Each structure stands twice: as structure tokens, then as C-alpha cells.
Amino acid sequence: MMKVDLGQVKASIAYSLSSEGSVLAQTVRAKADKIAIHFDVESTESPERVAGVMRNARNGCYARQSIGRPELFEDTVNLNGEPFDMDDYPPPAHERR
């Protein structure tokens, strides 16, 4: 468990859905084409710690992992009102023993 004070967090989700095939031919297939999630985070924590919490939340989301298509998700994050790229703060490297 990480003890990180995120302060205030707001999230918005937009998605694009479509279907193809024929109901009469029983070939209809529904699909999600894109799921975009935007987070606004206000925090006094370091960017590295915020990135770690956000990464753990994304990777620990059962719904997201159940879908099995991580490329479907498009995440954006603002930290204290500014665009924030979690990839600028990669996970810490662990030494192999």
C-alpha cells in the first residue's frame, strides 16, 4: 500500500461504441472503439509518487484488465492544473538478487 496524499482528484470518461453485423442474421457484434479517461489531480506530493499511484491504479483496475485490450484506453492527467505525463516518471528500477 502506498501512502500518498492525492488531495483532490476528478475524473471524466468518454467512450466510443459501435456495432456491426445483422440482428436478423444473428451476427451482430458490439464493441468499444475507444475509452478516454482524464484525471485532474491536485497534490503536494512529488510527481514520482503521483505517477506511481496513478500507474498502480491503472494496472490494478479489474475492469480494465478484464477487457484485455489496454491499447483501447487513452489516459490524460493534469497535476496541479498542468498536463502531466506519467511516462516522464518511470517506475523505480529494482535490483535483481
N, C-alpha and C. Protein backbone atom coordinates (compact mmCIF):
# COMPACT_ATOMS: atom_id res chain seq x y z
N MET A 1 0.85 -1.18 0.00
CA MET A 1 0.00 0.00 0.00
C MET A 1 0.89 1.24 0.00
N MET A 2 0.63 2.15 -0.90
CA MET A 2 1.37 3.41 -0.94
C MET A 2 0.58 4.45 -0.15
N LYS A 3 1.27 5.19 0.68
CA LYS A 3 0.62 6.27 1.43
C LYS A 3 0.97 7.58 0.74
N VAL A 4 0.08 8.00 -0.15
CA VAL A 4 0.30 9.20 -0.95
C VAL A 4 -0.95 10.06 -0.85
N ASP A 5 -0.76 11.34 -0.50
CA ASP A 5 -1.89 12.26 -0.40
C ASP A 5 -2.14 12.89 -1.76
N LEU A 6 -3.20 12.43 -2.43
CA LEU A 6 -3.53 12.99 -3.73
C LEU A 6 -4.36 14.25 -3.63
N GLY A 7 -4.82 14.59 -2.46
CA GLY A 7 -5.65 15.79 -2.34
C GLY A 7 -6.96 15.59 -3.07
N GLN A 8 -7.21 16.42 -4.07
CA GLN A 8 -8.46 16.34 -4.83
C GLN A 8 -8.21 15.68 -6.18
N VAL A 9 -9.07 14.72 -6.54
CA VAL A 9 -8.97 14.03 -7.83
C VAL A 9 -10.34 14.06 -8.49
N LYS A 10 -10.37 14.48 -9.74
CA LYS A 10 -11.60 14.43 -10.54
C LYS A 10 -11.29 13.62 -11.79
N ALA A 11 -12.24 12.83 -12.22
CA ALA A 11 -12.05 12.01 -13.41
C ALA A 11 -13.24 12.17 -14.34
N SER A 12 -12.97 12.15 -15.64
CA SER A 12 -14.04 12.14 -16.63
C SER A 12 -13.73 11.03 -17.63
N ILE A 13 -14.79 10.42 -18.12
CA ILE A 13 -14.65 9.29 -19.03
C ILE A 13 -15.49 9.56 -20.27
N ALA A 14 -14.90 9.34 -21.43
CA ALA A 14 -15.63 9.40 -22.70
C ALA A 14 -15.33 8.12 -23.45
N TYR A 15 -16.32 7.61 -24.15
CA TYR A 15 -16.09 6.37 -24.87
C TYR A 15 -16.82 6.39 -26.20
N SER A 16 -16.30 5.59 -27.11
CA SER A 16 -16.89 5.45 -28.43
C SER A 16 -17.29 3.99 -28.61
N LEU A 17 -18.55 3.77 -28.90
CA LEU A 17 -19.08 2.42 -29.07
C LEU A 17 -19.61 2.25 -30.48
N SER A 18 -19.57 1.05 -30.97
CA SER A 18 -20.15 0.77 -32.29
C SER A 18 -20.61 -0.68 -32.33
N SER A 19 -21.33 -1.00 -33.36
CA SER A 19 -21.73 -2.39 -33.57
C SER A 19 -21.73 -2.66 -35.07
N GLU A 20 -21.62 -3.92 -35.40
CA GLU A 20 -21.63 -4.32 -36.80
C GLU A 20 -22.37 -5.63 -36.93
N GLY A 21 -22.66 -6.00 -38.13
CA GLY A 21 -23.37 -7.24 -38.37
C GLY A 21 -24.87 -7.03 -38.43
N SER A 22 -25.60 -8.14 -38.38
CA SER A 22 -27.05 -8.13 -38.56
C SER A 22 -27.74 -8.84 -37.40
N VAL A 23 -28.75 -8.17 -36.86
CA VAL A 23 -29.55 -8.81 -35.80
C VAL A 23 -30.31 -9.99 -36.39
N LEU A 24 -30.88 -9.83 -37.59
CA LEU A 24 -31.66 -10.90 -38.20
C LEU A 24 -30.79 -12.11 -38.53
N ALA A 25 -29.56 -11.86 -38.94
CA ALA A 25 -28.65 -12.97 -39.26
C ALA A 25 -27.92 -13.48 -38.01
N GLN A 26 -28.20 -12.84 -36.88
CA GLN A 26 -27.59 -13.18 -35.59
C GLN A 26 -26.07 -13.09 -35.64
N THR A 27 -25.59 -12.07 -36.36
CA THR A 27 -24.15 -11.83 -36.46
C THR A 27 -23.76 -10.49 -35.84
N VAL A 28 -24.68 -9.87 -35.11
CA VAL A 28 -24.39 -8.57 -34.52
C VAL A 28 -23.25 -8.70 -33.50
N ARG A 29 -22.39 -7.71 -33.52
CA ARG A 29 -21.25 -7.71 -32.61
C ARG A 29 -21.02 -6.27 -32.13
N ALA A 30 -21.12 -6.07 -30.84
CA ALA A 30 -20.88 -4.75 -30.25
C ALA A 30 -19.42 -4.64 -29.85
N LYS A 31 -18.90 -3.42 -29.91
CA LYS A 31 -17.51 -3.23 -29.49
C LYS A 31 -17.30 -1.80 -29.00
N ALA A 32 -16.31 -1.67 -28.16
CA ALA A 32 -15.86 -0.35 -27.72
C ALA A 32 -14.64 0.00 -28.57
N ASP A 33 -14.69 1.14 -29.24
CA ASP A 33 -13.59 1.55 -30.10
C ASP A 33 -12.53 2.34 -29.34
N LYS A 34 -12.96 3.07 -28.31
CA LYS A 34 -12.02 3.88 -27.55
C LYS A 34 -12.64 4.25 -26.21
N ILE A 35 -11.81 4.25 -25.19
CA ILE A 35 -12.22 4.71 -23.86
C ILE A 35 -11.17 5.72 -23.42
N ALA A 36 -11.58 6.98 -23.26
CA ALA A 36 -10.65 8.04 -22.87
C ALA A 36 -10.98 8.47 -21.44
N ILE A 37 -9.98 8.44 -20.60
CA ILE A 37 -10.15 8.82 -19.20
C ILE A 37 -9.20 9.97 -18.91
N HIS A 38 -9.73 11.06 -18.34
CA HIS A 38 -8.91 12.21 -17.98
C HIS A 38 -9.00 12.41 -16.47
N PHE A 39 -7.86 12.61 -15.85
CA PHE A 39 -7.79 12.86 -14.41
C PHE A 39 -7.25 14.25 -14.16
N ASP A 40 -7.88 14.99 -13.25
CA ASP A 40 -7.34 16.23 -12.72
C ASP A 40 -6.97 15.95 -11.28
N VAL A 41 -5.68 16.07 -10.97
CA VAL A 41 -5.16 15.75 -9.64
C VAL A 41 -4.56 17.01 -9.03
N GLU A 42 -4.93 17.33 -7.81
CA GLU A 42 -4.30 18.40 -7.04
C GLU A 42 -3.56 17.73 -5.90
N SER A 43 -2.23 17.88 -5.86
CA SER A 43 -1.45 17.19 -4.84
C SER A 43 -0.16 17.93 -4.55
N THR A 44 0.27 17.85 -3.30
CA THR A 44 1.56 18.41 -2.91
C THR A 44 2.65 17.34 -2.94
N GLU A 45 2.29 16.12 -3.28
CA GLU A 45 3.26 15.02 -3.36
C GLU A 45 4.17 15.21 -4.58
N SER A 46 5.30 14.53 -4.58
CA SER A 46 6.23 14.62 -5.72
C SER A 46 5.60 13.98 -6.96
N PRO A 47 5.97 14.46 -8.14
CA PRO A 47 5.44 13.86 -9.37
C PRO A 47 5.72 12.36 -9.46
N GLU A 48 6.88 11.92 -8.96
CA GLU A 48 7.21 10.50 -9.00
C GLU A 48 6.20 9.67 -8.21
N ARG A 49 5.80 10.18 -7.04
CA ARG A 49 4.85 9.44 -6.20
C ARG A 49 3.45 9.46 -6.81
N VAL A 50 3.06 10.60 -7.40
CA VAL A 50 1.76 10.68 -8.07
C VAL A 50 1.74 9.71 -9.25
N ALA A 51 2.81 9.70 -10.04
CA ALA A 51 2.88 8.77 -11.18
C ALA A 51 2.76 7.34 -10.70
N GLY A 52 3.41 7.00 -9.59
CA GLY A 52 3.34 5.64 -9.06
C GLY A 52 1.94 5.24 -8.66
N VAL A 53 1.23 6.14 -7.98
CA VAL A 53 -0.15 5.84 -7.57
C VAL A 53 -1.05 5.69 -8.79
N MET A 54 -0.91 6.61 -9.75
CA MET A 54 -1.75 6.55 -10.94
C MET A 54 -1.47 5.27 -11.73
N ARG A 55 -0.21 4.90 -11.83
CA ARG A 55 0.16 3.68 -12.55
C ARG A 55 -0.42 2.45 -11.85
N ASN A 56 -0.30 2.40 -10.52
CA ASN A 56 -0.85 1.27 -9.77
C ASN A 56 -2.37 1.20 -9.91
N ALA A 57 -3.03 2.36 -9.90
CA ALA A 57 -4.49 2.37 -10.06
C ALA A 57 -4.89 1.84 -11.43
N ARG A 58 -4.17 2.27 -12.45
CA ARG A 58 -4.47 1.81 -13.81
C ARG A 58 -4.22 0.30 -13.95
N ASN A 59 -3.07 -0.14 -13.48
CA ASN A 59 -2.72 -1.55 -13.63
C ASN A 59 -3.47 -2.46 -12.68
N GLY A 60 -4.02 -1.91 -11.60
CA GLY A 60 -4.76 -2.71 -10.64
C GLY A 60 -6.27 -2.67 -10.84
N CYS A 61 -6.72 -2.05 -11.93
CA CYS A 61 -8.16 -1.94 -12.21
C CYS A 61 -8.66 -3.24 -12.84
N TYR A 62 -9.52 -3.94 -12.12
CA TYR A 62 -10.03 -5.22 -12.62
C TYR A 62 -10.83 -5.06 -13.91
N ALA A 63 -11.62 -4.00 -14.00
CA ALA A 63 -12.41 -3.79 -15.22
C ALA A 63 -11.48 -3.60 -16.42
N ARG A 64 -10.47 -2.77 -16.24
CA ARG A 64 -9.53 -2.50 -17.33
C ARG A 64 -8.78 -3.76 -17.74
N GLN A 65 -8.34 -4.53 -16.78
CA GLN A 65 -7.60 -5.75 -17.08
C GLN A 65 -8.51 -6.82 -17.68
N SER A 66 -9.80 -6.80 -17.31
CA SER A 66 -10.74 -7.78 -17.85
C SER A 66 -11.00 -7.57 -19.33
N ILE A 67 -10.93 -6.34 -19.75
CA ILE A 67 -11.18 -6.04 -21.16
C ILE A 67 -10.10 -6.68 -22.02
N GLY A 68 -8.88 -6.71 -21.54
CA GLY A 68 -7.81 -7.39 -22.27
C GLY A 68 -7.26 -6.63 -23.45
N ARG A 69 -7.66 -5.39 -23.60
CA ARG A 69 -7.13 -4.57 -24.70
C ARG A 69 -6.65 -3.24 -24.12
N PRO A 70 -5.50 -3.22 -23.48
CA PRO A 70 -5.05 -1.99 -22.84
C PRO A 70 -4.85 -0.84 -23.82
N GLU A 71 -4.57 -1.14 -25.09
CA GLU A 71 -4.38 -0.07 -26.07
C GLU A 71 -5.67 0.68 -26.34
N LEU A 72 -6.79 0.13 -25.91
CA LEU A 72 -8.09 0.78 -26.09
C LEU A 72 -8.20 2.03 -25.24
N PHE A 73 -7.48 2.06 -24.11
CA PHE A 73 -7.58 3.17 -23.17
C PHE A 73 -6.61 4.28 -23.54
N GLU A 74 -7.09 5.50 -23.42
CA GLU A 74 -6.27 6.69 -23.61
C GLU A 74 -6.40 7.54 -22.35
N ASP A 75 -5.32 7.64 -21.58
CA ASP A 75 -5.34 8.39 -20.33
C ASP A 75 -4.65 9.73 -20.50
N THR A 76 -5.23 10.77 -19.91
CA THR A 76 -4.54 12.05 -19.77
C THR A 76 -4.67 12.46 -18.31
N VAL A 77 -3.65 13.15 -17.82
CA VAL A 77 -3.62 13.57 -16.42
C VAL A 77 -3.16 15.01 -16.35
N ASN A 78 -3.83 15.82 -15.55
CA ASN A 78 -3.34 17.14 -15.16
C ASN A 78 -2.95 17.05 -13.70
N LEU A 79 -1.77 17.52 -13.36
CA LEU A 79 -1.31 17.58 -11.98
C LEU A 79 -1.19 19.05 -11.60
N ASN A 80 -1.97 19.46 -10.63
CA ASN A 80 -1.99 20.86 -10.19
C ASN A 80 -2.23 21.81 -11.36
N GLY A 81 -3.16 21.42 -12.24
CA GLY A 81 -3.59 22.27 -13.34
C GLY A 81 -2.73 22.22 -14.59
N GLU A 82 -1.66 21.45 -14.58
CA GLU A 82 -0.76 21.37 -15.73
C GLU A 82 -0.77 19.96 -16.31
N PRO A 83 -0.63 19.82 -17.65
CA PRO A 83 -0.55 18.48 -18.24
C PRO A 83 0.60 17.69 -17.59
N PHE A 84 0.33 16.42 -17.36
CA PHE A 84 1.28 15.57 -16.63
C PHE A 84 1.43 14.25 -17.37
N ASP A 85 2.66 13.91 -17.73
CA ASP A 85 2.94 12.66 -18.44
C ASP A 85 3.61 11.69 -17.47
N MET A 86 2.87 10.66 -17.07
CA MET A 86 3.40 9.68 -16.12
C MET A 86 4.65 9.01 -16.66
N ASP A 87 4.77 8.90 -17.98
CA ASP A 87 5.93 8.24 -18.57
C ASP A 87 7.22 9.02 -18.34
N ASP A 88 7.09 10.31 -17.97
CA ASP A 88 8.28 11.08 -17.61
C ASP A 88 8.86 10.63 -16.28
N TYR A 89 8.09 9.84 -15.54
CA TYR A 89 8.50 9.35 -14.22
C TYR A 89 8.33 7.83 -14.19
N PRO A 90 9.24 7.09 -14.83
CA PRO A 90 9.09 5.64 -14.91
C PRO A 90 9.17 4.99 -13.53
N PRO A 91 8.66 3.77 -13.42
CA PRO A 91 8.74 3.06 -12.15
C PRO A 91 10.21 2.91 -11.73
N PRO A 92 10.45 2.88 -10.43
CA PRO A 92 11.83 2.71 -9.98
C PRO A 92 12.38 1.35 -10.41
N ALA A 93 13.64 1.34 -10.78
CA ALA A 93 14.29 0.08 -11.16
C ALA A 93 14.57 -0.73 -9.89
N HIS A 94 14.30 -2.00 -9.96
CA HIS A 94 14.55 -2.89 -8.83
C HIS A 94 15.78 -3.73 -9.13
N GLU A 95 16.64 -3.84 -8.13
CA GLU A 95 17.82 -4.68 -8.30
C GLU A 95 17.43 -6.14 -8.24
N ARG A 96 18.02 -6.93 -9.12
CA ARG A 96 17.79 -8.38 -9.10
C ARG A 96 18.76 -9.00 -8.12
N ARG A 97 18.26 -9.92 -7.35
CA ARG A 97 19.12 -10.60 -6.37
C ARG A 97 19.45 -11.97 -6.81
